[in-house]
């Protein structure tokens, strides 16, 4: 009789243990589903989009001298997306070398400003690439530099943490960079062009859109070499794992592409070769 009670007691204890274990599993599963649902609901309830951008990166993002407002190809695209989704666009200028910290801390919702997708595919959650970009060399109009080989022994500069810097230090143009006298870095391309104009450097490695912008505004001061250093693509970068927001923005971009609005915005920047650089294709 005592043995039967002991067995019964053990059975009850085991049953309670299994019951609690089951509850724990159910609770975790419920928590996971709840978190996913909450994230989705959060995106559905979104009222604004904070875009991080380099304010000195024309024609993608810059301050209009006439209006004093931030504008550019990427910011116009972002504004149209927000208008269609009923969001307020918050334009947040950032230091380019702090972009990851800004994104991961939640200060900004995305990096949308000539952001290089190529080679960084696993570092962020990306939109589909929308612009084909080339890294070019710009020199003074009266420079004796005609080809990439002429850069040997010269002082070349580029923007810190830029795709041009990556190409010259890790990518296709490393061997070329090894022939330079020095490879310098500056905080933004406006300073790079000021240094080129003053004669402090011999050449700038820069994205083709930015180069076209500078050449348009100073056609007699600068000249661009014909051969690119490398080629890449631009896309919008979201925090890794934030597919919900990415999907909403991307869905609207394809709507804009389909109804011609995307192309009309690109046409505003025809002087910078942007219409020919668009690689987003209708699905």
Protein backbone atom coordinates (compact mmCIF):
# COMPACT_ATOMS: atom_id res chain seq x y z
CA UNK A 1 0.00 0.00 0.00
CA UNK A 2 2.84 2.38 0.84
CA UNK A 3 4.49 1.46 -2.47
CA UNK A 4 1.31 2.29 -4.40
CA UNK A 5 1.15 5.74 -2.83
CA UNK A 6 4.79 6.36 -3.70
CA UNK A 7 4.20 5.34 -7.31
CA UNK A 8 1.10 7.51 -7.43
CA UNK A 9 3.03 10.44 -5.98
CA UNK A 10 5.84 10.02 -8.52
CA UNK A 11 3.33 9.81 -11.35
CA UNK A 12 1.63 13.01 -10.22
CA UNK A 13 4.98 14.81 -9.92
CA UNK A 14 6.03 13.65 -13.37
CA UNK A 15 2.73 14.76 -14.80
CA UNK A 16 3.09 18.20 -13.24
CA UNK A 17 6.65 18.49 -14.55
CA UNK A 18 5.54 17.60 -18.06
CA UNK A 19 2.68 20.02 -17.74
CA UNK A 20 4.99 22.86 -16.73
CA UNK A 21 7.44 21.95 -19.50
CA UNK A 22 4.63 22.07 -21.99
CA UNK A 23 3.52 25.44 -20.66
CA UNK A 24 7.08 26.77 -21.01
CA UNK A 25 7.27 25.71 -24.65
CA UNK A 26 3.87 27.15 -25.37
CA UNK A 27 4.80 30.39 -23.65
CA UNK A 28 8.01 30.74 -25.70
CA UNK A 29 6.17 30.00 -28.93
CA UNK A 30 3.48 32.49 -27.98
CA UNK A 31 6.14 35.06 -27.17
CA UNK A 32 7.85 34.56 -30.54
CA UNK A 33 4.56 34.86 -32.42
CA UNK A 34 3.60 37.86 -30.31
CA UNK A 35 6.93 39.57 -31.05
CA UNK A 36 6.57 38.99 -34.79
CA UNK A 37 2.97 40.19 -34.71
CA UNK A 38 4.00 43.23 -32.68
CA UNK A 39 6.76 44.12 -35.17
CA UNK A 40 4.35 43.78 -38.07
CA UNK A 41 1.73 45.84 -36.26
CA UNK A 42 4.35 48.47 -35.50
CA UNK A 43 5.12 48.86 -39.19
CA UNK A 44 1.43 48.98 -40.06
CA UNK A 45 0.97 51.76 -37.49
CA UNK A 46 3.99 53.74 -38.73
CA UNK A 47 3.39 57.46 -39.14
CA UNK A 48 6.84 58.67 -40.24
CA UNK A 49 10.03 57.51 -41.92
CA UNK A 50 13.39 58.84 -40.76
CA UNK A 51 15.91 58.67 -43.59
CA UNK A 52 19.62 58.96 -42.85
CA UNK A 53 21.65 60.66 -45.58
CA UNK A 54 24.89 62.46 -46.32
CA UNK A 55 23.91 66.11 -46.75
CA UNK A 56 26.92 66.76 -48.98
CA UNK A 57 26.41 63.99 -51.52
CA UNK A 58 24.81 65.51 -54.61
CA UNK A 59 22.79 64.66 -56.58
CA UNK A 60 21.45 62.06 -54.13
CA UNK A 61 21.24 64.28 -51.05
CA UNK A 62 22.30 67.90 -50.58
CA UNK A 63 21.09 71.34 -49.47
CA UNK A 64 19.56 73.50 -52.18
CA UNK A 65 21.36 76.86 -52.08
CA UNK A 66 18.25 78.75 -53.20
CA UNK A 67 15.72 77.27 -50.80
CA UNK A 68 17.97 76.10 -47.98
CA UNK A 69 16.08 72.78 -48.02
CA UNK A 70 17.54 69.30 -48.28
CA UNK A 71 16.78 67.70 -51.61
CA UNK A 72 18.21 65.26 -54.13
CA UNK A 73 17.22 62.21 -56.13
CA UNK A 74 17.05 59.81 -53.19
CA UNK A 75 15.23 62.29 -50.96
CA UNK A 76 12.66 62.96 -53.68
CA UNK A 77 12.06 59.24 -54.01
CA UNK A 78 11.69 58.97 -50.23
CA UNK A 79 9.25 61.88 -50.16
CA UNK A 80 7.06 60.27 -52.81
CA UNK A 81 7.06 56.96 -50.92
CA UNK A 82 6.02 58.73 -47.72
CA UNK A 83 3.31 60.74 -49.48
CA UNK A 84 1.78 57.57 -50.88
CA UNK A 85 1.93 55.68 -47.59
CA UNK A 86 0.69 58.56 -45.46
CA UNK A 87 3.97 58.96 -43.59
CA UNK A 88 5.86 62.09 -42.64
CA UNK A 89 9.38 62.13 -44.09
CA UNK A 90 12.08 63.10 -41.59
CA UNK A 91 15.33 63.98 -43.38
CA UNK A 92 18.17 63.23 -40.99
CA UNK A 93 21.67 64.34 -42.07
CA UNK A 94 24.33 62.01 -40.64
CA UNK A 95 28.09 61.62 -40.57
CA UNK A 96 28.64 58.90 -43.14
CA UNK A 97 31.13 57.00 -41.01
CA UNK A 98 28.49 56.85 -38.20
CA UNK A 99 25.70 55.47 -40.39
CA UNK A 100 25.73 51.97 -38.86
CA UNK A 101 25.49 53.30 -35.32
CA UNK A 102 22.61 55.58 -36.32
CA UNK A 103 20.75 52.70 -37.97
CA UNK A 104 21.31 50.11 -35.24
CA UNK A 105 20.37 52.54 -32.46
CA UNK A 106 17.07 53.35 -34.16
CA UNK A 107 17.90 57.03 -34.70
CA UNK A 108 17.16 56.47 -38.39
CA UNK A 109 14.93 53.90 -40.10
CA UNK A 110 17.07 53.44 -43.20
CA UNK A 111 20.13 54.70 -45.05
CA UNK A 112 18.94 56.09 -48.37
CA UNK A 113 21.68 58.07 -50.06
CA UNK A 114 23.75 56.39 -52.73
CA UNK A 115 24.34 53.44 -50.41
CA UNK A 116 26.48 50.73 -52.00
CA UNK A 117 24.84 47.31 -52.06
CA UNK A 118 27.60 45.45 -53.90
CA UNK A 119 29.84 43.55 -51.49
CA UNK A 120 27.66 44.36 -48.47
CA UNK A 121 24.76 42.06 -49.25
CA UNK A 122 24.76 40.37 -45.81
CA UNK A 123 25.35 43.46 -43.67
CA UNK A 124 21.86 44.99 -43.96
CA UNK A 125 18.34 44.17 -45.07
CA UNK A 126 18.29 45.67 -48.56
CA UNK A 127 15.79 46.91 -51.06
CA UNK A 128 16.31 45.74 -54.62
CA UNK A 129 19.18 47.70 -56.25
CA UNK A 130 17.89 50.71 -58.18
CA UNK A 131 20.99 52.50 -59.56
CA UNK A 132 24.10 51.26 -61.39
CA UNK A 133 27.03 53.31 -60.18
CA UNK A 134 30.64 53.69 -61.33
CA UNK A 135 33.61 54.96 -59.35
CA UNK A 136 35.47 57.55 -61.42
CA UNK A 137 38.59 59.71 -61.22
CA UNK A 138 38.22 63.50 -61.41
CA UNK A 139 41.21 65.81 -61.97
CA UNK A 140 41.72 69.51 -62.62
CA UNK A 141 40.87 70.59 -66.15
CA UNK A 142 44.50 71.47 -66.87
CA UNK A 143 45.97 68.33 -65.28
CA UNK A 144 48.41 66.17 -67.22
CA UNK A 145 46.62 63.07 -65.90
CA UNK A 146 44.86 61.43 -68.85
CA UNK A 147 44.59 57.75 -67.84
CA UNK A 148 44.50 55.68 -64.65
CA UNK A 149 48.16 54.78 -65.18
CA UNK A 150 49.03 58.48 -64.95
CA UNK A 151 47.98 58.43 -61.29
CA UNK A 152 51.26 56.73 -60.34
CA UNK A 153 53.13 58.93 -57.88
CA UNK A 154 50.13 61.26 -57.44
CA UNK A 155 48.17 62.34 -54.36
CA UNK A 156 44.63 60.97 -54.59
CA UNK A 157 41.80 61.66 -52.16
CA UNK A 158 38.34 60.23 -51.52
CA UNK A 159 35.59 60.33 -48.90
CA UNK A 160 36.07 58.35 -45.70
CA UNK A 161 34.04 55.13 -45.50
CA UNK A 162 32.98 55.50 -49.14
CA UNK A 163 32.62 52.86 -51.83
CA UNK A 164 35.51 54.54 -53.66
CA UNK A 165 37.73 54.00 -50.63
CA UNK A 166 36.63 50.36 -50.47
CA UNK A 167 37.48 49.89 -54.16
CA UNK A 168 40.95 51.34 -53.59
CA UNK A 169 41.73 49.47 -50.37
CA UNK A 170 39.85 46.18 -50.70
CA UNK A 171 38.42 45.91 -54.20
CA UNK A 172 39.33 45.99 -57.87
CA UNK A 173 41.57 49.05 -57.65
CA UNK A 174 44.00 47.99 -54.88
CA UNK A 175 46.92 47.48 -57.26
CA UNK A 176 46.32 50.89 -58.79
CA UNK A 177 46.19 52.51 -55.33
CA UNK A 178 49.56 50.97 -54.51
CA UNK A 179 51.08 53.18 -57.23
CA UNK A 180 49.81 56.43 -55.65
CA UNK A 181 52.15 58.67 -53.69
CA UNK A 182 49.41 58.78 -51.03
CA UNK A 183 45.72 57.97 -50.70
CA UNK A 184 44.04 60.54 -48.48
CA UNK A 185 40.58 60.61 -46.89
CA UNK A 186 38.30 63.57 -46.17
CA UNK A 187 34.98 63.84 -44.40
CA UNK A 188 32.93 64.68 -47.50
CA UNK A 189 33.32 65.20 -51.23
CA UNK A 190 32.79 68.95 -51.07
CA UNK A 191 36.07 69.18 -49.15
CA UNK A 192 37.69 66.82 -51.65
CA UNK A 193 36.80 69.11 -54.56
CA UNK A 194 37.98 72.15 -52.63
CA UNK A 195 41.32 70.41 -52.10
CA UNK A 196 41.54 69.54 -55.80
CA UNK A 197 40.74 73.12 -56.79
CA UNK A 198 43.42 74.47 -54.46
CA UNK A 199 46.03 72.03 -55.78
CA UNK A 200 46.40 70.22 -52.45
CA UNK A 201 45.66 66.91 -54.21
CA UNK A 202 46.03 65.66 -57.77
CA UNK A 203 42.86 63.61 -58.18
CA UNK A 204 39.62 62.46 -56.54
CA UNK A 205 38.10 58.97 -56.60
CA UNK A 206 34.35 59.59 -56.57
CA UNK A 207 30.94 58.20 -57.58
CA UNK A 208 29.95 59.16 -61.11
CA UNK A 209 26.77 60.97 -60.06
CA UNK A 210 28.68 63.18 -57.65
CA UNK A 211 31.35 63.78 -60.29
CA UNK A 212 28.73 64.82 -62.86
CA UNK A 213 27.22 67.24 -60.36
CA UNK A 214 30.56 68.92 -59.74
CA UNK A 215 31.45 69.04 -63.43
CA UNK A 216 28.11 70.62 -64.27
CA UNK A 217 28.67 73.37 -61.72
CA UNK A 218 32.35 73.90 -62.60
CA UNK A 219 32.84 72.67 -66.19
CA UNK A 220 36.02 74.67 -66.71
CA UNK A 221 37.61 73.61 -63.45
CA UNK A 222 37.38 69.81 -63.49
CA UNK A 223 37.65 66.89 -65.88
CA UNK A 224 36.66 63.23 -65.49
CA UNK A 225 38.73 60.33 -66.84
CA UNK A 226 36.93 57.97 -69.17
CA UNK A 227 37.87 54.67 -67.52
CA UNK A 228 36.05 53.78 -64.26
CA UNK A 229 37.84 52.36 -61.24
CA UNK A 230 34.99 49.93 -60.53
CA UNK A 231 31.25 49.40 -60.90
CA UNK A 232 28.60 48.74 -58.25
CA UNK A 233 24.91 49.15 -57.42
CA UNK A 234 22.97 51.32 -54.97
CA UNK A 235 20.11 50.14 -52.78
CA UNK A 236 18.28 51.26 -49.63
CA UNK A 237 19.73 49.79 -46.42
CA UNK A 238 17.49 48.85 -43.49
CA UNK A 239 18.51 47.37 -40.16
CA UNK A 240 19.29 43.68 -40.56
CA UNK A 241 16.06 41.75 -40.08
CA UNK A 242 13.66 44.63 -40.74
CA UNK A 243 11.99 43.03 -43.75
CA UNK A 244 8.60 44.50 -42.82
CA UNK A 245 9.64 48.10 -43.42
CA UNK A 246 11.77 47.15 -46.42
CA UNK A 247 8.80 45.44 -48.04
CA UNK A 248 6.54 48.44 -47.55
CA UNK A 249 9.04 50.89 -49.07
CA UNK A 250 9.93 48.55 -51.91
CA UNK A 251 6.31 47.86 -52.77
CA UNK A 252 5.73 51.59 -53.20
CA UNK A 253 8.90 52.04 -55.26
CA UNK A 254 7.65 49.45 -57.73
CA UNK A 255 4.30 51.26 -57.89
CA UNK A 256 6.19 54.47 -58.71
CA UNK A 257 8.22 52.64 -61.34
CA UNK A 258 5.09 51.20 -62.94
CA UNK A 259 3.19 54.50 -63.16
CA UNK A 260 6.23 56.44 -64.41
CA UNK A 261 6.82 58.59 -61.32
CA UNK A 262 10.20 56.98 -60.61
CA UNK A 263 11.39 57.86 -64.11
CA UNK A 264 10.08 61.42 -63.90
CA UNK A 265 12.09 62.03 -60.72
CA UNK A 266 15.19 60.57 -62.38
CA UNK A 267 14.65 62.85 -65.41
CA UNK A 268 15.08 65.88 -63.14
CA UNK A 269 18.69 64.78 -62.76
CA UNK A 270 19.42 64.05 -66.41
CA UNK A 271 22.43 66.38 -66.27
CA UNK A 272 24.02 63.89 -63.88
CA UNK A 273 23.33 60.88 -66.10
CA UNK A 274 20.83 59.41 -63.63
CA UNK A 275 18.17 58.22 -66.10
CA UNK A 276 20.77 56.01 -67.79
CA UNK A 277 21.91 54.62 -64.44
CA UNK A 278 18.52 53.30 -63.25
CA UNK A 279 18.58 49.50 -62.95
CA UNK A 280 15.27 48.84 -61.18
CA UNK A 281 13.05 46.80 -63.50
CA UNK A 282 9.30 46.30 -63.27
CA UNK A 283 8.27 42.90 -61.92
